[in-house]
């Protein structure tokens, strides 16, 4: 039995779908049973719980031997993922695949990178067999970024090797199903590094929807993220990340997706073509 946390999100739902298609036996750990039923249907197993309540995590871990660990970026993330790891130890789980972030490091200027590295350390020290997956910027983030025909960033001409979340899910599923937890860390990127100006041009070419890149100041990034309901520290992190992107922070291309799945990761052009309708909706 495979327990999937974050099963209703962009990555988690794709992991769940791929596990089911591969004949796996996934169980979704969810807070909202109605949302789970709408997403997965009645035939798919799900258990209702709360990551802030360890006793419900223990209940969800019953009969589980593998775990895909993903939680929302929040100030409670460290405690929540610690609850899952501790429950996995008690349940005798034999492999945990954790979704982390690019350059997770306790010395990072980004709190989110420090936070994820702390969780990685908890997992490493738990003695559980595990695999850590560190993706760069998701192509799916562009859905929320394209507004009124523009992508507005403080990244300047910085290049980003953004990755399709579908490729991240493919790596995670391969790790869950086909590999023993050997403590490896995979850094997942797309096949090419692009500026946001090139990203806008690619979306325009592939969808027929005119999109341009507009430079904004880092403070505007912070304000936009915070106005969406994010915690202030996370909004500050995103503002700082844009500045770091401008200096090449995510201008890195790895071969990990192809090595693990045997398939070259999707390009931004392919992604934009596949999701042309979503970018059309983003013109509002």
C-alpha atoms as a PDB file:
ATOM      1  CA  UNK A   1       0.000   0.000   0.000  1.00  0.00           C
ATOM      2  CA  UNK A   2       1.276   3.448  -0.986  1.00  0.00           C
ATOM      3  CA  UNK A   3       0.199   6.527   0.981  1.00  0.00           C
ATOM      4  CA  UNK A   4       0.159   9.788  -0.990  1.00  0.00           C
ATOM      5  CA  UNK A   5       0.065  13.083   0.896  1.00  0.00           C
ATOM      6  CA  UNK A   6      -0.804  16.230  -1.025  1.00  0.00           C
ATOM      7  CA  UNK A   7      -2.832  14.065  -3.394  1.00  0.00           C
ATOM      8  CA  UNK A   8      -5.146  16.893  -4.460  1.00  0.00           C
ATOM      9  CA  UNK A   9      -2.344  19.208  -5.640  1.00  0.00           C
ATOM     10  CA  UNK A  10      -0.527  19.617  -8.939  1.00  0.00           C
ATOM     11  CA  UNK A  11       2.180  17.033  -8.250  1.00  0.00           C
ATOM     12  CA  UNK A  12       0.304  14.782  -5.837  1.00  0.00           C
ATOM     13  CA  UNK A  13      -2.684  14.274  -8.117  1.00  0.00           C
ATOM     14  CA  UNK A  14      -0.406  13.346 -11.027  1.00  0.00           C
ATOM     15  CA  UNK A  15       1.558  10.933  -8.809  1.00  0.00           C
ATOM     16  CA  UNK A  16      -1.725   9.377  -7.716  1.00  0.00           C
ATOM     17  CA  UNK A  17      -2.970   9.055 -11.296  1.00  0.00           C
ATOM     18  CA  UNK A  18       0.264   7.449 -12.486  1.00  0.00           C
ATOM     19  CA  UNK A  19       0.385   5.024  -9.575  1.00  0.00           C
ATOM     20  CA  UNK A  20      -3.168   3.905 -10.307  1.00  0.00           C
ATOM     21  CA  UNK A  21      -2.430   3.544 -14.030  1.00  0.00           C
ATOM     22  CA  UNK A  22       0.624   1.429 -13.196  1.00  0.00           C
ATOM     23  CA  UNK A  23      -1.461  -0.938 -11.120  1.00  0.00           C
ATOM     24  CA  UNK A  24      -0.303   0.421  -7.793  1.00  0.00           C
ATOM     25  CA  UNK A  25      -2.463   0.618  -4.679  1.00  0.00           C
ATOM     26  CA  UNK A  26      -2.347   4.277  -3.642  1.00  0.00           C
ATOM     27  CA  UNK A  27      -4.234   5.725  -0.701  1.00  0.00           C
ATOM     28  CA  UNK A  28      -4.851   9.471  -0.630  1.00  0.00           C
ATOM     29  CA  UNK A  29      -4.425  11.251   2.698  1.00  0.00           C
ATOM     30  CA  UNK A  30      -6.925  14.123   2.541  1.00  0.00           C
ATOM     31  CA  UNK A  31      -8.619  16.682   4.752  1.00  0.00           C
ATOM     32  CA  UNK A  32     -11.710  17.116   2.579  1.00  0.00           C
ATOM     33  CA  UNK A  33     -13.482  13.852   1.635  1.00  0.00           C
ATOM     34  CA  UNK A  34     -15.847  15.613  -0.794  1.00  0.00           C
ATOM     35  CA  UNK A  35     -12.930  17.088  -2.725  1.00  0.00           C
ATOM     36  CA  UNK A  36     -11.214  13.701  -2.759  1.00  0.00           C
ATOM     37  CA  UNK A  37     -14.325  12.014  -4.118  1.00  0.00           C
ATOM     38  CA  UNK A  38     -14.661  14.665  -6.826  1.00  0.00           C
ATOM     39  CA  UNK A  39     -11.012  14.215  -7.833  1.00  0.00           C
ATOM     40  CA  UNK A  40     -10.586  10.474  -7.549  1.00  0.00           C
ATOM     41  CA  UNK A  41     -14.075   8.956  -7.575  1.00  0.00           C
ATOM     42  CA  UNK A  42     -15.533   6.420  -5.174  1.00  0.00           C
ATOM     43  CA  UNK A  43     -13.357   3.542  -6.383  1.00  0.00           C
ATOM     44  CA  UNK A  44     -10.110   5.074  -5.120  1.00  0.00           C
ATOM     45  CA  UNK A  45      -9.137   4.676  -1.499  1.00  0.00           C
ATOM     46  CA  UNK A  46      -8.705   7.760   0.588  1.00  0.00           C
ATOM     47  CA  UNK A  47      -8.450   8.413   4.311  1.00  0.00           C
ATOM     48  CA  UNK A  48      -9.479  11.635   6.015  1.00  0.00           C
ATOM     49  CA  UNK A  49      -6.959  13.148   8.373  1.00  0.00           C
ATOM     50  CA  UNK A  50      -5.057  16.239   9.411  1.00  0.00           C
ATOM     51  CA  UNK A  51      -1.270  16.515   9.248  1.00  0.00           C
ATOM     52  CA  UNK A  52      -1.397  18.735  12.324  1.00  0.00           C
ATOM     53  CA  UNK A  53      -2.924  15.818  14.301  1.00  0.00           C
ATOM     54  CA  UNK A  54      -0.381  12.979  14.553  1.00  0.00           C
ATOM     55  CA  UNK A  55      -2.986  10.428  15.631  1.00  0.00           C
ATOM     56  CA  UNK A  56      -4.778  10.775  12.285  1.00  0.00           C
ATOM     57  CA  UNK A  57      -1.479  10.332  10.456  1.00  0.00           C
ATOM     58  CA  UNK A  58      -0.918   7.067  12.354  1.00  0.00           C
ATOM     59  CA  UNK A  59      -4.365   5.896  11.247  1.00  0.00           C
ATOM     60  CA  UNK A  60      -3.582   6.757   7.639  1.00  0.00           C
ATOM     61  CA  UNK A  61      -0.308   4.817   7.835  1.00  0.00           C
ATOM     62  CA  UNK A  62      -1.978   1.516   8.761  1.00  0.00           C
ATOM     63  CA  UNK A  63      -0.987  -1.179   6.263  1.00  0.00           C
ATOM     64  CA  UNK A  64       1.262   1.219   4.327  1.00  0.00           C
ATOM     65  CA  UNK A  65       4.734   0.228   3.157  1.00  0.00           C
ATOM     66  CA  UNK A  66       5.616   3.171   0.905  1.00  0.00           C
ATOM     67  CA  UNK A  67       4.934   6.913   1.212  1.00  0.00           C
ATOM     68  CA  UNK A  68       5.007   9.872  -1.153  1.00  0.00           C
ATOM     69  CA  UNK A  69       5.586  12.894   1.082  1.00  0.00           C
ATOM     70  CA  UNK A  70       4.410  16.305  -0.089  1.00  0.00           C
ATOM     71  CA  UNK A  71       2.874  19.152   1.901  1.00  0.00           C
ATOM     72  CA  UNK A  72       1.987  22.776   1.216  1.00  0.00           C
ATOM     73  CA  UNK A  73       4.640  25.452   1.693  1.00  0.00           C
ATOM     74  CA  UNK A  74       3.690  26.883   5.077  1.00  0.00           C
ATOM     75  CA  UNK A  75       5.103  27.722   8.490  1.00  0.00           C
ATOM     76  CA  UNK A  76       3.699  24.362   9.703  1.00  0.00           C
ATOM     77  CA  UNK A  77       5.446  22.315   7.018  1.00  0.00           C
ATOM     78  CA  UNK A  78       8.363  21.121   9.152  1.00  0.00           C
ATOM     79  CA  UNK A  79       6.075  19.893  11.947  1.00  0.00           C
ATOM     80  CA  UNK A  80       3.643  18.279   9.516  1.00  0.00           C
ATOM     81  CA  UNK A  81       6.277  16.355   7.590  1.00  0.00           C
ATOM     82  CA  UNK A  82       7.949  15.333  10.835  1.00  0.00           C
ATOM     83  CA  UNK A  83       4.604  13.826  11.897  1.00  0.00           C
ATOM     84  CA  UNK A  84       4.485  11.792   8.680  1.00  0.00           C
ATOM     85  CA  UNK A  85       8.086  10.596   9.031  1.00  0.00           C
ATOM     86  CA  UNK A  86       7.614   9.606  12.678  1.00  0.00           C
ATOM     87  CA  UNK A  87       4.397   7.746  11.825  1.00  0.00           C
ATOM     88  CA  UNK A  88       6.205   5.990   8.966  1.00  0.00           C
ATOM     89  CA  UNK A  89       8.892   4.803  11.395  1.00  0.00           C
ATOM     90  CA  UNK A  90       6.253   3.422  13.759  1.00  0.00           C
ATOM     91  CA  UNK A  91       4.471   1.693  10.859  1.00  0.00           C
ATOM     92  CA  UNK A  92       7.643   0.058   9.535  1.00  0.00           C
ATOM     93  CA  UNK A  93       7.422   1.788   6.153  1.00  0.00           C
ATOM     94  CA  UNK A  94      10.146   0.584   3.794  1.00  0.00           C
ATOM     95  CA  UNK A  95      10.487   3.566   1.436  1.00  0.00           C
ATOM     96  CA  UNK A  96       9.654   7.289   1.588  1.00  0.00           C
ATOM     97  CA  UNK A  97       9.883   9.521  -1.490  1.00  0.00           C
ATOM     98  CA  UNK A  98       9.998  13.166  -0.439  1.00  0.00           C
ATOM     99  CA  UNK A  99       9.318  16.110  -2.715  1.00  0.00           C
ATOM    100  CA  UNK A 100      11.769  18.840  -1.726  1.00  0.00           C
ATOM    101  CA  UNK A 101      12.974  22.023  -3.451  1.00  0.00           C
ATOM    102  CA  UNK A 102      15.948  22.962  -5.624  1.00  0.00           C
ATOM    103  CA  UNK A 103      19.111  23.661  -3.632  1.00  0.00           C
ATOM    104  CA  UNK A 104      17.589  22.745  -0.255  1.00  0.00           C
ATOM    105  CA  UNK A 105      20.233  23.983   2.171  1.00  0.00           C
ATOM    106  CA  UNK A 106      20.181  25.148   5.785  1.00  0.00           C
ATOM    107  CA  UNK A 107      22.466  28.062   4.782  1.00  0.00           C
ATOM    108  CA  UNK A 108      20.183  29.261   1.991  1.00  0.00           C
ATOM    109  CA  UNK A 109      18.897  32.852   1.995  1.00  0.00           C
ATOM    110  CA  UNK A 110      15.471  31.321   1.262  1.00  0.00           C
ATOM    111  CA  UNK A 111      13.504  30.104   4.256  1.00  0.00           C
ATOM    112  CA  UNK A 112      11.731  27.539   2.106  1.00  0.00           C
ATOM    113  CA  UNK A 113      15.066  25.968   1.101  1.00  0.00           C
ATOM    114  CA  UNK A 114      16.243  25.939   4.739  1.00  0.00           C
ATOM    115  CA  UNK A 115      12.942  24.439   5.850  1.00  0.00           C
ATOM    116  CA  UNK A 116      13.061  21.636   3.296  1.00  0.00           C
ATOM    117  CA  UNK A 117      16.652  20.798   4.176  1.00  0.00           C
ATOM    118  CA  UNK A 118      15.637  20.503   7.830  1.00  0.00           C
ATOM    119  CA  UNK A 119      12.946  18.028   6.795  1.00  0.00           C
ATOM    120  CA  UNK A 120      15.417  16.120   4.639  1.00  0.00           C
ATOM    121  CA  UNK A 121      17.680  15.820   7.681  1.00  0.00           C
ATOM    122  CA  UNK A 122      14.803  14.464   9.787  1.00  0.00           C
ATOM    123  CA  UNK A 123      14.167  11.863   7.079  1.00  0.00           C
ATOM    124  CA  UNK A 124      17.849  10.960   6.785  1.00  0.00           C
ATOM    125  CA  UNK A 125      18.187  10.581  10.542  1.00  0.00           C
ATOM    126  CA  UNK A 126      15.009   8.497  10.825  1.00  0.00           C
ATOM    127  CA  UNK A 127      16.707   5.447   9.337  1.00  0.00           C
ATOM    128  CA  UNK A 128      13.917   5.048   6.792  1.00  0.00           C
ATOM    129  CA  UNK A 129      14.943   4.059   3.257  1.00  0.00           C
ATOM    130  CA  UNK A 130      14.230   7.147   1.206  1.00  0.00           C
ATOM    131  CA  UNK A 131      14.606   9.096  -2.020  1.00  0.00           C
ATOM    132  CA  UNK A 132      14.626  12.894  -2.236  1.00  0.00           C
ATOM    133  CA  UNK A 133      13.379  14.715  -5.322  1.00  0.00           C
ATOM    134  CA  UNK A 134      14.415  18.366  -5.788  1.00  0.00           C
ATOM    135  CA  UNK A 135      12.706  20.028  -8.772  1.00  0.00           C
ATOM    136  CA  UNK A 136      13.339  23.536 -10.052  1.00  0.00           C
ATOM    137  CA  UNK A 137      10.624  26.028 -11.021  1.00  0.00           C
ATOM    138  CA  UNK A 138       7.457  24.266 -12.270  1.00  0.00           C
ATOM    139  CA  UNK A 139       6.111  25.128 -15.709  1.00  0.00           C
ATOM    140  CA  UNK A 140       2.656  24.919 -14.089  1.00  0.00           C
ATOM    141  CA  UNK A 141       3.498  28.059 -12.068  1.00  0.00           C
ATOM    142  CA  UNK A 142       3.054  29.969 -15.313  1.00  0.00           C
ATOM    143  CA  UNK A 143      -0.712  29.416 -15.203  1.00  0.00           C
ATOM    144  CA  UNK A 144      -0.981  31.876 -12.314  1.00  0.00           C
ATOM    145  CA  UNK A 145       1.706  34.196 -13.664  1.00  0.00           C
ATOM    146  CA  UNK A 146       0.188  34.958 -17.079  1.00  0.00           C
ATOM    147  CA  UNK A 147      -2.280  37.779 -16.475  1.00  0.00           C
ATOM    148  CA  UNK A 148      -3.668  40.285 -18.979  1.00  0.00           C
ATOM    149  CA  UNK A 149      -1.219  39.100 -21.615  1.00  0.00           C
ATOM    150  CA  UNK A 150       1.897  39.486 -19.492  1.00  0.00           C
ATOM    151  CA  UNK A 151       4.297  37.608 -17.234  1.00  0.00           C
ATOM    152  CA  UNK A 152       5.590  40.049 -14.633  1.00  0.00           C
ATOM    153  CA  UNK A 153       8.830  39.141 -12.863  1.00  0.00           C
ATOM    154  CA  UNK A 154      11.867  40.666 -11.202  1.00  0.00           C
ATOM    155  CA  UNK A 155      14.053  37.983 -12.800  1.00  0.00           C
ATOM    156  CA  UNK A 156      15.366  40.193 -15.601  1.00  0.00           C
ATOM    157  CA  UNK A 157      17.281  38.148 -18.176  1.00  0.00           C
ATOM    158  CA  UNK A 158      18.000  35.329 -15.741  1.00  0.00           C
ATOM    159  CA  UNK A 159      17.571  31.857 -17.205  1.00  0.00           C
ATOM    160  CA  UNK A 160      15.490  29.121 -15.593  1.00  0.00           C
ATOM    161  CA  UNK A 161      15.469  25.435 -16.602  1.00  0.00           C
ATOM    162  CA  UNK A 162      11.833  25.058 -15.567  1.00  0.00           C
ATOM    163  CA  UNK A 163      10.386  21.548 -15.433  1.00  0.00           C
ATOM    164  CA  UNK A 164       6.967  20.080 -16.208  1.00  0.00           C
ATOM    165  CA  UNK A 165       5.300  18.763 -13.040  1.00  0.00           C
ATOM    166  CA  UNK A 166       4.299  15.687 -15.050  1.00  0.00           C
ATOM    167  CA  UNK A 167       7.980  14.791 -15.396  1.00  0.00           C
ATOM    168  CA  UNK A 168       8.508  15.320 -11.668  1.00  0.00           C
ATOM    169  CA  UNK A 169       5.613  12.969 -10.945  1.00  0.00           C
ATOM    170  CA  UNK A 170       7.049  10.392 -13.360  1.00  0.00           C
ATOM    171  CA  UNK A 171      10.347  10.381 -11.459  1.00  0.00           C
ATOM    172  CA  UNK A 172       8.561  10.119  -8.114  1.00  0.00           C
ATOM    173  CA  UNK A 173       6.461   7.182  -9.287  1.00  0.00           C
ATOM    174  CA  UNK A 174       9.494   5.407 -10.699  1.00  0.00           C
ATOM    175  CA  UNK A 175      11.197   5.821  -7.338  1.00  0.00           C
ATOM    176  CA  UNK A 176       8.156   4.580  -5.406  1.00  0.00           C
ATOM    177  CA  UNK A 177       7.497   1.539  -7.566  1.00  0.00           C
ATOM    178  CA  UNK A 178      10.796   0.512  -9.044  1.00  0.00           C
ATOM    179  CA  UNK A 179      13.625   1.466  -6.702  1.00  0.00           C
ATOM    180  CA  UNK A 180      14.785   0.769  -3.194  1.00  0.00           C
ATOM    181  CA  UNK A 181      15.289   3.801  -0.987  1.00  0.00           C
ATOM    182  CA  UNK A 182      19.005   4.340  -1.249  1.00  0.00           C
ATOM    183  CA  UNK A 183      19.131   7.921   0.010  1.00  0.00           C
ATOM    184  CA  UNK A 184      19.724   9.396  -3.428  1.00  0.00           C
ATOM    185  CA  UNK A 185      18.881  13.016  -4.197  1.00  0.00           C
ATOM    186  CA  UNK A 186      17.653  13.851  -7.694  1.00  0.00           C
ATOM    187  CA  UNK A 187      17.683  17.392  -9.094  1.00  0.00           C
ATOM    188  CA  UNK A 188      14.984  17.673 -11.745  1.00  0.00           C
ATOM    189  CA  UNK A 189      15.023  20.268 -14.519  1.00  0.00           C
ATOM    190  CA  UNK A 190      13.620  20.687 -17.979  1.00  0.00           C
ATOM    191  CA  UNK A 191      15.775  20.181 -21.084  1.00  0.00           C
ATOM    192  CA  UNK A 192      16.558  23.862 -21.659  1.00  0.00           C
ATOM    193  CA  UNK A 193      17.199  27.045 -19.744  1.00  0.00           C
ATOM    194  CA  UNK A 194      15.126  30.063 -20.809  1.00  0.00           C
ATOM    195  CA  UNK A 195      14.686  33.706 -19.880  1.00  0.00           C
ATOM    196  CA  UNK A 196      11.146  34.804 -19.048  1.00  0.00           C
ATOM    197  CA  UNK A 197      11.209  36.840 -22.251  1.00  0.00           C
ATOM    198  CA  UNK A 198      11.821  33.592 -24.148  1.00  0.00           C
ATOM    199  CA  UNK A 199       9.130  31.903 -22.075  1.00  0.00           C
ATOM    200  CA  UNK A 200       6.611  34.571 -23.083  1.00  0.00           C
ATOM    201  CA  UNK A 201       7.610  34.265 -26.741  1.00  0.00           C
ATOM    202  CA  UNK A 202       7.234  30.480 -26.614  1.00  0.00           C
ATOM    203  CA  UNK A 203       3.769  30.678 -25.098  1.00  0.00           C
ATOM    204  CA  UNK A 204       2.766  33.210 -27.755  1.00  0.00           C
ATOM    205  CA  UNK A 205       4.072  31.030 -30.573  1.00  0.00           C
ATOM    206  CA  UNK A 206       2.515  27.798 -29.330  1.00  0.00           C
ATOM    207  CA  UNK A 207      -0.891  29.079 -28.211  1.00  0.00           C
ATOM    208  CA  UNK A 208      -1.578  32.058 -30.464  1.00  0.00           C
ATOM    209  CA  UNK A 209      -2.203  34.109 -27.318  1.00  0.00           C
ATOM    210  CA  UNK A 210       0.051  37.206 -27.217  1.00  0.00           C
ATOM    211  CA  UNK A 211       2.120  37.158 -24.042  1.00  0.00           C
ATOM    212  CA  UNK A 212       4.960  39.527 -23.145  1.00  0.00           C
ATOM    213  CA  UNK A 213       7.421  39.715 -20.265  1.00  0.00           C
ATOM    214  CA  UNK A 214       7.354  42.806 -18.062  1.00  0.00           C
ATOM    215  CA  UNK A 215      10.072  43.684 -15.549  1.00  0.00           C
ATOM    216  CA  UNK A 216       8.827  44.693 -12.112  1.00  0.00           C
ATOM    217  CA  UNK A 217      10.590  45.499  -8.851  1.00  0.00           C
ATOM    218  CA  UNK A 218      11.037  42.751  -6.229  1.00  0.00           C
ATOM    219  CA  UNK A 219       8.650  44.513  -3.860  1.00  0.00           C
ATOM    220  CA  UNK A 220       5.872  44.140  -6.402  1.00  0.00           C
ATOM    221  CA  UNK A 221       6.483  40.391  -6.481  1.00  0.00           C
ATOM    222  CA  UNK A 222       6.175  40.279  -2.698  1.00  0.00           C
ATOM    223  CA  UNK A 223       2.950  42.285  -2.722  1.00  0.00           C
ATOM    224  CA  UNK A 224       1.383  40.131  -5.426  1.00  0.00           C
ATOM    225  CA  UNK A 225       2.206  36.866  -3.671  1.00  0.00           C
ATOM    226  CA  UNK A 226       1.029  38.145  -0.296  1.00  0.00           C
ATOM    227  CA  UNK A 227      -2.231  39.449  -1.779  1.00  0.00           C
ATOM    228  CA  UNK A 228      -2.947  35.918  -3.018  1.00  0.00           C
ATOM    229  CA  UNK A 229      -3.179  34.784   0.607  1.00  0.00           C
ATOM    230  CA  UNK A 230       0.371  33.498   1.141  1.00  0.00           C
ATOM    231  CA  UNK A 231       2.118  33.959   4.468  1.00  0.00           C
ATOM    232  CA  UNK A 232       4.302  37.108   4.568  1.00  0.00           C
ATOM    233  CA  UNK A 233       7.556  35.125   4.924  1.00  0.00           C
ATOM    234  CA  UNK A 234       6.731  33.114   1.816  1.00  0.00           C
ATOM    235  CA  UNK A 235       5.963  36.292  -0.138  1.00  0.00           C
ATOM    236  CA  UNK A 236       9.348  37.679   0.915  1.00  0.00           C
ATOM    237  CA  UNK A 237      10.980  34.421  -0.171  1.00  0.00           C
ATOM    238  CA  UNK A 238       9.406  34.651  -3.624  1.00  0.00           C
ATOM    239  CA  UNK A 239      10.587  38.237  -3.987  1.00  0.00           C
ATOM    240  CA  UNK A 240      14.107  37.186  -3.015  1.00  0.00           C
ATOM    241  CA  UNK A 241      13.919  34.176  -5.353  1.00  0.00           C
ATOM    242  CA  UNK A 242      13.188  36.417  -8.343  1.00  0.00           C
ATOM    243  CA  UNK A 243      16.331  38.427  -7.584  1.00  0.00           C
ATOM    244  CA  UNK A 244      18.294  35.183  -7.334  1.00  0.00           C
ATOM    245  CA  UNK A 245      16.850  33.949 -10.644  1.00  0.00           C
ATOM    246  CA  UNK A 246      18.146  37.121 -12.267  1.00  0.00           C
ATOM    247  CA  UNK A 247      21.677  36.060 -11.329  1.00  0.00           C
ATOM    248  CA  UNK A 248      21.384  32.474 -12.587  1.00  0.00           C
ATOM    249  CA  UNK A 249      20.195  30.623  -9.472  1.00  0.00           C
ATOM    250  CA  UNK A 250      18.178  28.100 -11.521  1.00  0.00           C
ATOM    251  CA  UNK A 251      20.195  28.255 -14.747  1.00  0.00           C
ATOM    252  CA  UNK A 252      21.052  24.569 -14.382  1.00  0.00           C
ATOM    253  CA  UNK A 253      20.135  21.649 -16.664  1.00  0.00           C
ATOM    254  CA  UNK A 254      20.477  18.091 -15.350  1.00  0.00           C
ATOM    255  CA  UNK A 255      19.915  14.716 -16.978  1.00  0.00           C
ATOM    256  CA  UNK A 256      18.171  13.152 -13.973  1.00  0.00           C
ATOM    257  CA  UNK A 257      14.677  12.923 -15.514  1.00  0.00           C
ATOM    258  CA  UNK A 258      15.940  11.021 -18.550  1.00  0.00           C
ATOM    259  CA  UNK A 259      18.278   8.802 -16.517  1.00  0.00           C
ATOM    260  CA  UNK A 260      15.515   7.725 -14.157  1.00  0.00           C
ATOM    261  CA  UNK A 261      12.507   7.478 -16.467  1.00  0.00           C
ATOM    262  CA  UNK A 262      14.257   6.777 -19.775  1.00  0.00           C
ATOM    263  CA  UNK A 263      12.318   9.666 -21.320  1.00  0.00           C
ATOM    264  CA  UNK A 264      13.590  13.148 -22.168  1.00  0.00           C
ATOM    265  CA  UNK A 265      11.734  15.784 -20.104  1.00  0.00           C
ATOM    266  CA  UNK A 266       9.133  17.826 -21.915  1.00  0.00           C
ATOM    267  CA  UNK A 267       9.973  21.214 -23.402  1.00  0.00           C
ATOM    268  CA  UNK A 268       8.162  24.435 -22.618  1.00  0.00           C
ATOM    269  CA  UNK A 269       6.844  24.472 -26.198  1.00  0.00           C
ATOM    270  CA  UNK A 270       5.229  21.060 -25.675  1.00  0.00           C
ATOM    271  CA  UNK A 271       3.811  22.169 -22.339  1.00  0.00           C
ATOM    272  CA  UNK A 272       2.349  25.375 -23.761  1.00  0.00           C
ATOM    273  CA  UNK A 273       0.783  23.457 -26.635  1.00  0.00           C
ATOM    274  CA  UNK A 274      -0.758  20.912 -24.259  1.00  0.00           C
ATOM    275  CA  UNK A 275      -2.226  23.650 -22.064  1.00  0.00           C
ATOM    276  CA  UNK A 276      -3.158  26.331 -24.573  1.00  0.00           C
ATOM    277  CA  UNK A 277      -6.654  26.603 -23.060  1.00  0.00           C
ATOM    278  CA  UNK A 278      -5.227  27.398 -19.617  1.00  0.00           C
ATOM    279  CA  UNK A 279      -3.124  30.252 -20.969  1.00  0.00           C
ATOM    280  CA  UNK A 280      -6.138  31.585 -22.857  1.00  0.00           C
ATOM    281  CA  UNK A 281      -8.021  31.676 -19.563  1.00  0.00           C
ATOM    282  CA  UNK A 282      -5.115  33.566 -17.999  1.00  0.00           C
ATOM    283  CA  UNK A 283      -5.773  36.602 -20.207  1.00  0.00           C
ATOM    284  CA  UNK A 284      -8.452  37.868 -17.811  1.00  0.00           C
END
